[in-house]
Amino acid sequence: MLNLATERATLAKAERDIAEGEARIANQADLVGRLRATGQDIGMAEALLATLQGTLRQWQDHRDEILRTIARLEQESAPAGEEPGPGTTGGTQPL
């Protein structure tokens, strides 16, 4: 059974992973630029950059699924006819 607290903790980890992934991508893109500027082979560096970018997209998709799950759990736990309270995603948090 899914648990709202667990999903929120999972969301926090996903957000940290995404931020770290974005930093890795920025570093790798800088490296590719430096290698290109000095005329060095960039094939492997570009391949790694593409892999990092693909991984980031998967993490973002996973985060989006977590957000949908949280919204559903909040909706299920809200009393009939009420929307989730302030401070919750309520299914309206921008992605």
Protein backbone atom coordinates (compact mmCIF):
# COMPACT_ATOMS: atom_id res chain seq x y z
CA MET A 1 0.00 0.00 0.00
CA LEU A 2 1.27 3.44 -0.92
CA ASN A 3 1.94 5.84 1.93
CA LEU A 4 1.80 9.64 1.54
CA ALA A 5 4.77 10.26 3.86
CA THR A 6 6.89 7.71 2.01
CA GLU A 7 5.97 9.22 -1.35
CA ARG A 8 6.90 12.70 -0.12
CA ALA A 9 10.27 11.39 1.07
CA THR A 10 10.74 9.71 -2.30
CA LEU A 11 9.88 12.99 -4.01
CA ALA A 12 12.50 14.84 -1.96
CA LYS A 13 15.15 12.31 -3.00
CA ALA A 14 14.06 12.53 -6.64
CA GLU A 15 14.38 16.32 -6.51
CA ARG A 16 17.90 16.02 -5.06
CA ASP A 17 18.87 13.47 -7.71
CA ILE A 18 17.57 15.76 -10.47
CA ALA A 19 19.50 18.75 -9.12
CA GLU A 20 22.68 16.67 -8.93
CA GLY A 21 22.07 15.34 -12.44
CA GLU A 22 21.65 18.86 -13.79
CA ALA A 23 24.96 19.84 -12.19
CA ARG A 24 26.71 16.81 -13.72
CA ILE A 25 25.29 17.70 -17.13
CA ALA A 26 26.50 21.29 -16.82
CA ASN A 27 29.99 20.08 -15.87
CA GLN A 28 30.08 17.58 -18.73
CA ALA A 29 28.85 20.18 -21.23
CA ASP A 30 31.64 22.51 -20.07
CA LEU A 31 34.16 19.71 -20.54
CA VAL A 32 32.89 19.02 -24.06
CA GLY A 33 33.28 22.71 -24.86
CA ARG A 34 36.83 22.83 -23.52
CA LEU A 35 37.81 19.69 -25.42
CA ARG A 36 36.27 21.03 -28.62
CA ALA A 37 38.05 24.38 -28.19
CA THR A 38 41.41 22.66 -27.93
CA GLY A 39 40.77 20.37 -30.89
CA GLN A 40 40.62 17.17 -28.85
CA ASP A 41 38.45 14.16 -29.56
CA ILE A 42 35.03 14.74 -27.99
CA GLY A 43 33.32 11.50 -29.01
CA MET A 44 33.35 9.80 -25.62
CA ALA A 45 32.63 13.04 -23.75
CA GLU A 46 29.59 13.70 -25.97
CA ALA A 47 28.39 10.13 -25.54
CA LEU A 48 28.57 10.48 -21.77
CA LEU A 49 26.74 13.81 -21.98
CA ALA A 50 23.94 12.17 -23.99
CA THR A 51 23.71 9.36 -21.43
CA LEU A 52 23.51 11.85 -18.57
CA GLN A 53 20.78 13.78 -20.39
CA GLY A 54 18.79 10.60 -21.02
CA THR A 55 19.12 9.59 -17.39
CA LEU A 56 17.93 13.03 -16.28
CA ARG A 57 14.83 12.71 -18.47
CA GLN A 58 14.06 9.36 -16.84
CA TRP A 59 14.49 10.86 -13.37
CA GLN A 60 12.18 13.72 -14.32
CA ASP A 61 9.57 11.25 -15.58
CA HIS A 62 9.88 9.34 -12.31
CA ARG A 63 9.46 12.56 -10.34
CA ASP A 64 6.33 13.35 -12.36
CA GLU A 65 4.92 9.92 -11.52
CA ILE A 66 5.64 10.49 -7.83
CA LEU A 67 3.80 13.85 -8.03
CA ARG A 68 0.79 12.14 -9.63
CA THR A 69 0.83 9.49 -6.91
CA ILE A 70 0.99 12.12 -4.16
CA ALA A 71 -1.89 14.03 -5.72
CA ARG A 72 -3.97 10.85 -5.92
CA LEU A 73 -3.18 9.90 -2.32
CA GLU A 74 -4.05 13.40 -1.12
CA GLN A 75 -7.31 13.27 -3.05
CA GLU A 76 -8.14 9.87 -1.55
CA SER A 77 -7.38 11.08 1.97
CA ALA A 78 -9.33 14.36 1.68
CA PRO A 79 -12.85 14.33 3.12
CA ALA A 80 -15.55 14.04 0.45
CA GLY A 81 -16.11 17.31 -1.35
CA GLU A 82 -12.92 18.97 -0.06
CA GLU A 83 -9.75 19.72 -1.93
CA PRO A 84 -6.36 18.95 -0.37
CA GLY A 85 -5.25 21.70 2.00
CA PRO A 86 -2.62 24.41 1.47
CA GLY A 87 0.96 23.27 1.32
CA THR A 88 0.11 20.12 -0.55
CA THR A 89 0.65 19.45 -4.21
CA GLY A 90 -3.04 18.98 -4.83
CA GLY A 91 -2.13 17.89 -8.32
CA THR A 92 -1.48 21.52 -9.32
CA GLN A 93 2.22 21.85 -8.59
CA PRO A 94 4.11 23.03 -11.69
CA LEU A 95 6.54 20.53 -13.12
